[in-house]
Amino acid sequence: MQDTIVIYTHPECSFSSAAKNSFLQNDISFREIDLSITPEAWEEVERLTGGQRITPVILEGELVTVGFHGEG
């Protein structure tokens, strides 16, 4: 069974939009956590990134990817 992919996003981040669009175009399911709606999730983002407030953060099982570089 494949773990659910979680993408921490922010609406003012063009890389967040690009990541979501890439996953959608490639028919990859994910759960989005929009940090403008769920600001308490910044604490988890900071834990995953070593203290940075950056988006997107993509969590695939134990693999954490910070940022998006055009792959899905």
PDB file of N, CA and C in Angstrom:
ATOM      1  N   MET A   1       0.839  -1.202   0.000  1.00  0.00           N
ATOM      2  CA  MET A   1       0.000   0.000   0.000  1.00  0.00           C
ATOM      3  C   MET A   1       0.876   1.253   0.000  1.00  0.00           C
ATOM      4  N   GLN A   2       0.561   2.187  -0.855  1.00  0.00           N
ATOM      5  CA  GLN A   2       1.343   3.411  -0.965  1.00  0.00           C
ATOM      6  C   GLN A   2       0.898   4.407   0.087  1.00  0.00           C
ATOM      7  N   ASP A   3       1.888   5.039   0.712  1.00  0.00           N
ATOM      8  CA  ASP A   3       1.566   6.085   1.683  1.00  0.00           C
ATOM      9  C   ASP A   3       0.940   7.264   0.958  1.00  0.00           C
ATOM     10  N   THR A   4       0.078   7.965   1.667  1.00  0.00           N
ATOM     11  CA  THR A   4      -0.516   9.173   1.119  1.00  0.00           C
ATOM     12  C   THR A   4       0.553  10.260   1.057  1.00  0.00           C
ATOM     13  N   ILE A   5       0.614  10.959  -0.052  1.00  0.00           N
ATOM     14  CA  ILE A   5       1.526  12.088  -0.199  1.00  0.00           C
ATOM     15  C   ILE A   5       0.846  13.304   0.407  1.00  0.00           C
ATOM     16  N   VAL A   6       1.588  14.028   1.212  1.00  0.00           N
ATOM     17  CA  VAL A   6       1.079  15.251   1.827  1.00  0.00           C
ATOM     18  C   VAL A   6       1.901  16.412   1.291  1.00  0.00           C
ATOM     19  N   ILE A   7       1.222  17.468   0.843  1.00  0.00           N
ATOM     20  CA  ILE A   7       1.909  18.665   0.366  1.00  0.00           C
ATOM     21  C   ILE A   7       1.467  19.841   1.235  1.00  0.00           C
ATOM     22  N   TYR A   8       2.435  20.424   1.936  1.00  0.00           N
ATOM     23  CA  TYR A   8       2.189  21.647   2.700  1.00  0.00           C
ATOM     24  C   TYR A   8       2.375  22.810   1.727  1.00  0.00           C
ATOM     25  N   THR A   9       1.335  23.624   1.581  1.00  0.00           N
ATOM     26  CA  THR A   9       1.344  24.693   0.582  1.00  0.00           C
ATOM     27  C   THR A   9       0.979  26.034   1.210  1.00  0.00           C
ATOM     28  N   HIS A  10       1.207  27.075   0.418  1.00  0.00           N
ATOM     29  CA  HIS A  10       0.732  28.415   0.765  1.00  0.00           C
ATOM     30  C   HIS A  10       0.269  29.069  -0.537  1.00  0.00           C
ATOM     31  N   PRO A  11      -0.894  29.725  -0.537  1.00  0.00           N
ATOM     32  CA  PRO A  11      -1.451  30.272  -1.787  1.00  0.00           C
ATOM     33  C   PRO A  11      -0.583  31.340  -2.442  1.00  0.00           C
ATOM     34  N   GLU A  12       0.301  31.991  -1.709  1.00  0.00           N
ATOM     35  CA  GLU A  12       1.154  33.024  -2.291  1.00  0.00           C
ATOM     36  C   GLU A  12       2.457  32.451  -2.853  1.00  0.00           C
ATOM     37  N   CYS A  13       2.592  31.135  -2.818  1.00  0.00           N
ATOM     38  CA  CYS A  13       3.814  30.478  -3.268  1.00  0.00           C
ATOM     39  C   CYS A  13       3.586  29.838  -4.641  1.00  0.00           C
ATOM     40  N   SER A  14       4.257  30.369  -5.662  1.00  0.00           N
ATOM     41  CA  SER A  14       4.079  29.825  -7.010  1.00  0.00           C
ATOM     42  C   SER A  14       4.616  28.398  -7.118  1.00  0.00           C
ATOM     43  N   PHE A  15       5.607  28.036  -6.304  1.00  0.00           N
ATOM     44  CA  PHE A  15       6.131  26.678  -6.330  1.00  0.00           C
ATOM     45  C   PHE A  15       5.119  25.690  -5.754  1.00  0.00           C
ATOM     46  N   SER A  16       4.328  26.139  -4.781  1.00  0.00           N
ATOM     47  CA  SER A  16       3.246  25.295  -4.255  1.00  0.00           C
ATOM     48  C   SER A  16       2.238  24.996  -5.354  1.00  0.00           C
ATOM     49  N   SER A  17       1.860  26.019  -6.099  1.00  0.00           N
ATOM     50  CA  SER A  17       0.899  25.842  -7.203  1.00  0.00           C
ATOM     51  C   SER A  17       1.472  24.920  -8.267  1.00  0.00           C
ATOM     52  N   ALA A  18       2.739  25.091  -8.590  1.00  0.00           N
ATOM     53  CA  ALA A  18       3.376  24.245  -9.602  1.00  0.00           C
ATOM     54  C   ALA A  18       3.416  22.788  -9.148  1.00  0.00           C
ATOM     55  N   ALA A  19       3.711  22.556  -7.879  1.00  0.00           N
ATOM     56  CA  ALA A  19       3.755  21.184  -7.353  1.00  0.00           C
ATOM     57  C   ALA A  19       2.373  20.543  -7.445  1.00  0.00           C
ATOM     58  N   LYS A  20       1.351  21.253  -6.987  1.00  0.00           N
ATOM     59  CA  LYS A  20      -0.003  20.707  -7.038  1.00  0.00           C
ATOM     60  C   LYS A  20      -0.414  20.415  -8.475  1.00  0.00           C
ATOM     61  N   ASN A  21      -0.156  21.346  -9.390  1.00  0.00           N
ATOM     62  CA  ASN A  21      -0.524  21.150 -10.794  1.00  0.00           C
ATOM     63  C   ASN A  21       0.192  19.947 -11.401  1.00  0.00           C
ATOM     64  N   SER A  22       1.459  19.779 -11.072  1.00  0.00           N
ATOM     65  CA  SER A  22       2.219  18.650 -11.590  1.00  0.00           C
ATOM     66  C   SER A  22       1.653  17.325 -11.090  1.00  0.00           C
ATOM     67  N   PHE A  23       1.352  17.261  -9.799  1.00  0.00           N
ATOM     68  CA  PHE A  23       0.774  16.037  -9.245  1.00  0.00           C
ATOM     69  C   PHE A  23      -0.580  15.741  -9.881  1.00  0.00           C
ATOM     70  N   LEU A  24      -1.409  16.776 -10.064  1.00  0.00           N
ATOM     71  CA  LEU A  24      -2.722  16.583 -10.677  1.00  0.00           C
ATOM     72  C   LEU A  24      -2.590  16.122 -12.126  1.00  0.00           C
ATOM     73  N   GLN A  25      -1.693  16.754 -12.898  1.00  0.00           N
ATOM     74  CA  GLN A  25      -1.506  16.390 -14.302  1.00  0.00           C
ATOM     75  C   GLN A  25      -0.990  14.955 -14.443  1.00  0.00           C
ATOM     76  N   ASN A  26      -0.229  14.499 -13.461  1.00  0.00           N
ATOM     77  CA  ASN A  26       0.319  13.142 -13.505  1.00  0.00           C
ATOM     78  C   ASN A  26      -0.568  12.138 -12.768  1.00  0.00           C
ATOM     79  N   ASP A  27      -1.768  12.578 -12.394  1.00  0.00           N
ATOM     80  CA  ASP A  27      -2.754  11.721 -11.732  1.00  0.00           C
ATOM     81  C   ASP A  27      -2.193  11.066 -10.462  1.00  0.00           C
ATOM     82  N   ILE A  28      -1.439  11.878  -9.703  1.00  0.00           N
ATOM     83  CA  ILE A  28      -0.873  11.423  -8.428  1.00  0.00           C
ATOM     84  C   ILE A  28      -1.726  12.023  -7.314  1.00  0.00           C
ATOM     85  N   SER A  29      -2.316  11.164  -6.493  1.00  0.00           N
ATOM     86  CA  SER A  29      -3.181  11.672  -5.432  1.00  0.00           C
ATOM     87  C   SER A  29      -2.333  12.202  -4.280  1.00  0.00           C
ATOM     88  N   PHE A  30      -2.845  13.227  -3.630  1.00  0.00           N
ATOM     89  CA  PHE A  30      -2.146  13.839  -2.501  1.00  0.00           C
ATOM     90  C   PHE A  30      -3.161  14.504  -1.595  1.00  0.00           C
ATOM     91  N   ARG A  31      -2.708  14.774  -0.379  1.00  0.00           N
ATOM     92  CA  ARG A  31      -3.516  15.534   0.567  1.00  0.00           C
ATOM     93  C   ARG A  31      -2.807  16.868   0.762  1.00  0.00           C
ATOM     94  N   GLU A  32      -3.530  17.953   0.550  1.00  0.00           N
ATOM     95  CA  GLU A  32      -2.957  19.288   0.689  1.00  0.00           C
ATOM     96  C   GLU A  32      -3.245  19.850   2.070  1.00  0.00           C
ATOM     97  N   ILE A  33      -2.225  20.440   2.660  1.00  0.00           N
ATOM     98  CA  ILE A  33      -2.408  21.209   3.887  1.00  0.00           C
ATOM     99  C   ILE A  33      -2.025  22.643   3.551  1.00  0.00           C
ATOM    100  N   ASP A  34      -3.037  23.494   3.401  1.00  0.00           N
ATOM    101  CA  ASP A  34      -2.855  24.901   3.059  1.00  0.00           C
ATOM    102  C   ASP A  34      -2.553  25.651   4.362  1.00  0.00           C
ATOM    103  N   LEU A  35      -1.346  26.185   4.438  1.00  0.00           N
ATOM    104  CA  LEU A  35      -0.899  26.827   5.681  1.00  0.00           C
ATOM    105  C   LEU A  35      -1.602  28.153   5.950  1.00  0.00           C
ATOM    106  N   SER A  36      -2.283  28.730   4.939  1.00  0.00           N
ATOM    107  CA  SER A  36      -3.055  29.943   5.201  1.00  0.00           C
ATOM    108  C   SER A  36      -4.364  29.608   5.907  1.00  0.00           C
ATOM    109  N   ILE A  37      -4.816  28.360   5.729  1.00  0.00           N
ATOM    110  CA  ILE A  37      -6.047  27.900   6.374  1.00  0.00           C
ATOM    111  C   ILE A  37      -5.737  27.173   7.680  1.00  0.00           C
ATOM    112  N   THR A  38      -4.600  26.496   7.719  1.00  0.00           N
ATOM    113  CA  THR A  38      -4.203  25.696   8.879  1.00  0.00           C
ATOM    114  C   THR A  38      -2.845  26.194   9.385  1.00  0.00           C
ATOM    115  N   PRO A  39      -2.793  27.413   9.938  1.00  0.00           N
ATOM    116  CA  PRO A  39      -1.498  27.981  10.333  1.00  0.00           C
ATOM    117  C   PRO A  39      -0.775  27.201  11.432  1.00  0.00           C
ATOM    118  N   GLU A  40      -1.512  26.413  12.207  1.00  0.00           N
ATOM    119  CA  GLU A  40      -0.857  25.619  13.245  1.00  0.00           C
ATOM    120  C   GLU A  40       0.055  24.549  12.642  1.00  0.00           C
ATOM    121  N   ALA A  41      -0.114  24.246  11.360  1.00  0.00           N
ATOM    122  CA  ALA A  41       0.728  23.248  10.697  1.00  0.00           C
ATOM    123  C   ALA A  41       2.136  23.773  10.398  1.00  0.00           C
ATOM    124  N   TRP A  42       2.363  25.099  10.546  1.00  0.00           N
ATOM    125  CA  TRP A  42       3.717  25.633  10.376  1.00  0.00           C
ATOM    126  C   TRP A  42       4.698  24.940  11.323  1.00  0.00           C
ATOM    127  N   GLU A  43       4.217  24.566  12.501  1.00  0.00           N
ATOM    128  CA  GLU A  43       5.077  23.881  13.466  1.00  0.00           C
ATOM    129  C   GLU A  43       5.619  22.580  12.875  1.00  0.00           C
ATOM    130  N   GLU A  44       4.769  21.830  12.183  1.00  0.00           N
ATOM    131  CA  GLU A  44       5.199  20.588  11.544  1.00  0.00           C
ATOM    132  C   GLU A  44       6.142  20.877  10.382  1.00  0.00           C
ATOM    133  N   VAL A  45       5.867  21.911   9.591  1.00  0.00           N
ATOM    134  CA  VAL A  45       6.756  22.296   8.493  1.00  0.00           C
ATOM    135  C   VAL A  45       8.140  22.625   9.042  1.00  0.00           C
ATOM    136  N   GLU A  46       8.185  23.392  10.116  1.00  0.00           N
ATOM    137  CA  GLU A  46       9.468  23.756  10.720  1.00  0.00           C
ATOM    138  C   GLU A  46      10.195  22.515  11.234  1.00  0.00           C
ATOM    139  N   ARG A  47       9.467  21.557  11.770  1.00  0.00           N
ATOM    140  CA  ARG A  47      10.094  20.323  12.244  1.00  0.00           C
ATOM    141  C   ARG A  47      10.682  19.542  11.061  1.00  0.00           C
ATOM    142  N   LEU A  48       9.937  19.472   9.973  1.00  0.00           N
ATOM    143  CA  LEU A  48      10.378  18.721   8.801  1.00  0.00           C
ATOM    144  C   LEU A  48      11.544  19.373   8.073  1.00  0.00           C
ATOM    145  N   THR A  49      11.650  20.700   8.152  1.00  0.00           N
ATOM    146  CA  THR A  49      12.657  21.436   7.383  1.00  0.00           C
ATOM    147  C   THR A  49      13.829  21.925   8.222  1.00  0.00           C
ATOM    148  N   GLY A  50      13.877  21.543   9.471  1.00  0.00           N
ATOM    149  CA  GLY A  50      14.976  22.009  10.314  1.00  0.00           C
ATOM    150  C   GLY A  50      14.831  23.468  10.704  1.00  0.00           C
ATOM    151  N   GLY A  51      13.583  23.916  10.854  1.00  0.00           N
ATOM    152  CA  GLY A  51      13.328  25.270  11.335  1.00  0.00           C
ATOM    153  C   GLY A  51      12.960  26.292  10.280  1.00  0.00           C
ATOM    154  N   GLN A  52      12.867  25.875   9.023  1.00  0.00           N
ATOM    155  CA  GLN A  52      12.543  26.821   7.958  1.00  0.00           C
ATOM    156  C   GLN A  52      11.038  26.941   7.751  1.00  0.00           C
ATOM    157  N   ARG A  53      10.611  28.144   7.391  1.00  0.00           N
ATOM    158  CA  ARG A  53       9.215  28.382   6.995  1.00  0.00           C
ATOM    159  C   ARG A  53       9.210  28.544   5.490  1.00  0.00           C
ATOM    160  N   ILE A  54       9.128  27.416   4.796  1.00  0.00           N
ATOM    161  CA  ILE A  54       9.225  27.394   3.342  1.00  0.00           C
ATOM    162  C   ILE A  54       8.160  26.452   2.795  1.00  0.00           C
ATOM    163  N   THR A  55       7.643  26.772   1.619  1.00  0.00           N
ATOM    164  CA  THR A  55       6.696  25.879   0.948  1.00  0.00           C
ATOM    165  C   THR A  55       7.107  25.750  -0.508  1.00  0.00           C
ATOM    166  N   PRO A  56       6.728  24.691  -1.159  1.00  0.00           N
ATOM    167  CA  PRO A  56       6.023  23.556  -0.596  1.00  0.00           C
ATOM    168  C   PRO A  56       6.972  22.610   0.136  1.00  0.00           C
ATOM    169  N   VAL A  57       6.385  21.835   1.020  1.00  0.00           N
ATOM    170  CA  VAL A  57       7.074  20.713   1.640  1.00  0.00           C
ATOM    171  C   VAL A  57       6.251  19.485   1.285  1.00  0.00           C
ATOM    172  N   ILE A  58       6.896  18.521   0.650  1.00  0.00           N
ATOM    173  CA  ILE A  58       6.215  17.320   0.170  1.00  0.00           C
ATOM    174  C   ILE A  58       6.683  16.141   1.004  1.00  0.00           C
ATOM    175  N   LEU A  59       5.728  15.461   1.598  1.00  0.00           N
ATOM    176  CA  LEU A  59       6.014  14.334   2.481  1.00  0.00           C
ATOM    177  C   LEU A  59       5.466  13.071   1.832  1.00  0.00           C
ATOM    178  N   GLU A  60       6.380  12.154   1.492  1.00  0.00           N
ATOM    179  CA  GLU A  60       6.009  10.865   0.900  1.00  0.00           C
ATOM    180  C   GLU A  60       6.547   9.777   1.817  1.00  0.00           C
ATOM    181  N   GLY A  61       5.703   9.286   2.717  1.00  0.00           N
ATOM    182  CA  GLY A  61       6.172   8.334   3.716  1.00  0.00           C
ATOM    183  C   GLY A  61       7.196   9.014   4.615  1.00  0.00           C
ATOM    184  N   GLU A  62       8.414   8.506   4.619  1.00  0.00           N
ATOM    185  CA  GLU A  62       9.491   9.096   5.415  1.00  0.00           C
ATOM    186  C   GLU A  62      10.320  10.103   4.619  1.00  0.00           C
ATOM    187  N   LEU A  63      10.086  10.194   3.314  1.00  0.00           N
ATOM    188  CA  LEU A  63      10.852  11.088   2.454  1.00  0.00           C
ATOM    189  C   LEU A  63      10.268  12.496   2.494  1.00  0.00           C
ATOM    190  N   VAL A  64      11.115  13.469   2.830  1.00  0.00           N
ATOM    191  CA  VAL A  64      10.700  14.873   2.883  1.00  0.00           C
ATOM    192  C   VAL A  64      11.414  15.621   1.768  1.00  0.00           C
ATOM    193  N   THR A  65      10.646  16.305   0.911  1.00  0.00           N
ATOM    194  CA  THR A  65      11.211  17.133  -0.141  1.00  0.00           C
ATOM    195  C   THR A  65      10.817  18.571   0.134  1.00  0.00           C
ATOM    196  N   VAL A  66      11.809  19.440   0.226  1.00  0.00           N
ATOM    197  CA  VAL A  66      11.563  20.854   0.468  1.00  0.00           C
ATOM    198  C   VAL A  66      11.716  21.581  -0.870  1.00  0.00           C
ATOM    199  N   GLY A  67      10.655  22.295  -1.264  1.00  0.00           N
ATOM    200  CA  GLY A  67      10.657  22.983  -2.540  1.00  0.00           C
ATOM    201  C   GLY A  67      10.140  22.083  -3.649  1.00  0.00           C
ATOM    202  N   PHE A  68      10.086  22.647  -4.848  1.00  0.00           N
ATOM    203  CA  PHE A  68       9.611  21.901  -6.007  1.00  0.00           C
ATOM    204  C   PHE A  68      10.431  22.303  -7.210  1.00  0.00           C
ATOM    205  N   HIS A  69      10.886  21.287  -7.961  1.00  0.00           N
ATOM    206  CA  HIS A  69      11.783  21.552  -9.088  1.00  0.00           C
ATOM    207  C   HIS A  69      11.246  20.987 -10.395  1.00  0.00           C
ATOM    208  N   GLY A  70       9.927  20.870 -10.508  1.00  0.00           N
ATOM    209  CA  GLY A  70       9.323  20.489 -11.771  1.00  0.00           C
ATOM    210  C   GLY A  70       9.148  19.014 -12.005  1.00  0.00           C
ATOM    211  N   GLU A  71       9.233  18.207 -10.979  1.00  0.00           N
ATOM    212  CA  GLU A  71       8.995  16.774 -11.140  1.00  0.00           C
ATOM    213  C   GLU A  71       7.779  16.397 -10.341  1.00  0.00           C
ATOM    214  N   GLY A  72       7.102  15.372 -10.752  1.00  0.00           N
ATOM    215  CA  GLY A  72       5.926  14.938 -10.014  1.00  0.00           C
ATOM    216  C   GLY A  72       5.872  13.461  -9.861  1.00  0.00           C
TER     217      GLY A  72
END
